[in-house]
Amino acid sequence: FLGHLARTLQEARVRIINQSICSKLYDDLITSRMLCAGNLNGGIDACQGDSGGPLACTGKGNRWYLAGIVSWGEGCARRNRPGVYTKVTALYDWIRQNTN
């Protein structure tokens, strides 16, 4: 890691990217338990040190929900290399069974 740490919590507004587009960008490495988010032009993304952090979205009634968990990516904020997240809805039953 060759950068510096932020002193305050950082946030970025990213868009969830269509599953088939993301799968093509990552040569079919994206599974049904993953989702991609970012900006295909680059410049905005999760980065090293963000793993385990939330991808939060607003739903009905402007309520926030956890859509993803930062997992991996290829570099940081690179063109056509969005961040890859664990898709929480794909693991919802497992999460419910293993947490109180």
Protein backbone atom coordinates (compact mmCIF):
# COMPACT_ATOMS: atom_id res chain seq x y z
CA PHE A 1 0.00 0.00 0.00
CA LEU A 2 1.65 3.19 -1.14
CA GLY A 3 -1.06 5.75 -0.39
CA HIS A 4 -2.14 7.55 2.74
CA LEU A 5 -5.06 6.86 5.04
CA ALA A 6 -8.02 9.23 5.23
CA ARG A 7 -8.69 10.80 8.61
CA THR A 8 -12.45 10.90 8.01
CA LEU A 9 -14.85 8.27 6.74
CA GLN A 10 -15.06 8.34 2.96
CA GLU A 11 -18.10 7.68 0.78
CA ALA A 12 -18.75 7.45 -2.94
CA ARG A 13 -21.91 7.32 -5.01
CA VAL A 14 -21.69 4.42 -7.43
CA ARG A 15 -24.14 2.69 -9.73
CA ILE A 16 -24.87 -1.01 -9.74
CA ILE A 17 -23.75 -2.41 -13.09
CA ASN A 18 -25.72 -4.93 -15.12
CA GLN A 19 -24.62 -8.47 -14.27
CA SER A 20 -24.00 -9.55 -17.88
CA ILE A 21 -21.91 -6.44 -18.62
CA CYS A 22 -19.83 -6.97 -15.51
CA SER A 23 -19.35 -10.64 -16.33
CA LYS A 24 -17.98 -9.72 -19.77
CA LEU A 25 -15.65 -7.10 -18.29
CA TYR A 26 -14.20 -9.70 -15.92
CA ASP A 27 -14.07 -12.62 -18.39
CA ASP A 28 -16.94 -14.55 -16.75
CA LEU A 29 -15.41 -14.53 -13.24
CA ILE A 30 -18.57 -12.93 -11.81
CA THR A 31 -20.90 -15.44 -10.15
CA SER A 32 -24.55 -15.13 -9.11
CA ARG A 33 -23.33 -14.33 -5.59
CA MET A 34 -21.51 -11.19 -6.79
CA LEU A 35 -22.54 -7.80 -8.09
CA CYS A 36 -20.55 -4.95 -9.56
CA ALA A 37 -20.79 -1.25 -8.85
CA GLY A 38 -18.81 1.77 -9.87
CA ASN A 39 -18.38 4.05 -12.85
CA LEU A 40 -17.34 2.39 -16.11
CA ASN A 41 -15.39 5.55 -17.00
CA GLY A 42 -13.33 5.10 -13.82
CA GLY A 43 -12.59 7.64 -11.14
CA ILE A 44 -14.95 6.35 -8.43
CA ASP A 45 -14.62 2.99 -6.68
CA ALA A 46 -13.87 1.07 -3.54
CA CYS A 47 -10.16 0.39 -3.07
CA GLN A 48 -7.68 -1.59 -1.01
CA GLY A 49 -8.60 -1.35 2.65
CA ASP A 50 -12.32 -1.05 1.89
CA SER A 51 -12.97 -4.81 1.86
CA GLY A 52 -15.84 -5.75 4.16
CA GLY A 53 -17.40 -2.31 3.85
CA PRO A 54 -21.02 -1.73 2.83
CA LEU A 55 -22.68 -1.03 -0.50
CA ALA A 56 -25.86 0.63 0.73
CA CYS A 57 -28.84 1.48 -1.48
CA THR A 58 -32.16 3.18 -0.94
CA GLY A 59 -35.35 1.26 -1.56
CA LYS A 60 -39.05 1.80 -1.06
CA GLY A 61 -39.86 4.67 1.25
CA ASN A 62 -36.24 5.91 1.01
CA ARG A 63 -35.18 3.19 3.47
CA TRP A 64 -31.54 2.17 3.30
CA TYR A 65 -30.59 -1.46 2.88
CA LEU A 66 -27.34 -3.40 2.55
CA ALA A 67 -27.03 -4.53 -1.08
CA GLY A 68 -23.40 -5.62 -1.11
CA ILE A 69 -20.18 -6.08 0.81
CA VAL A 70 -16.93 -4.81 -0.74
CA SER A 71 -15.03 -7.88 -1.95
CA TRP A 72 -12.46 -7.28 -4.69
CA GLY A 73 -11.58 -5.38 -7.84
CA GLU A 74 -8.82 -4.92 -10.35
CA GLY A 75 -6.94 -1.83 -9.23
CA CYS A 76 -8.87 1.17 -7.95
CA ALA A 77 -11.30 3.28 -9.96
CA ARG A 78 -10.00 1.98 -13.30
CA ARG A 79 -11.95 2.32 -16.53
CA ASN A 80 -14.10 -0.78 -17.22
CA ARG A 81 -13.01 -2.35 -13.91
CA PRO A 82 -15.84 -1.75 -11.43
CA GLY A 83 -15.70 -2.89 -7.84
CA VAL A 84 -16.98 -6.40 -7.10
CA TYR A 85 -19.21 -6.94 -4.10
CA THR A 86 -20.77 -9.92 -2.37
CA LYS A 87 -24.48 -9.85 -3.25
CA VAL A 88 -26.25 -9.87 0.11
CA THR A 89 -29.60 -11.06 -1.29
CA ALA A 90 -27.91 -14.19 -2.67
CA LEU A 91 -26.73 -15.10 0.83
CA TYR A 92 -29.69 -13.83 2.84
CA ASP A 93 -30.83 -17.26 4.05
CA TRP A 94 -27.30 -18.18 5.15
CA ILE A 95 -26.91 -14.85 6.97
CA ARG A 96 -30.22 -15.36 8.80
CA GLN A 97 -29.28 -18.91 9.81
CA ASN A 98 -25.86 -17.92 11.14
CA THR A 99 -26.61 -14.65 12.94
CA ASN A 100 -28.99 -13.63 15.69
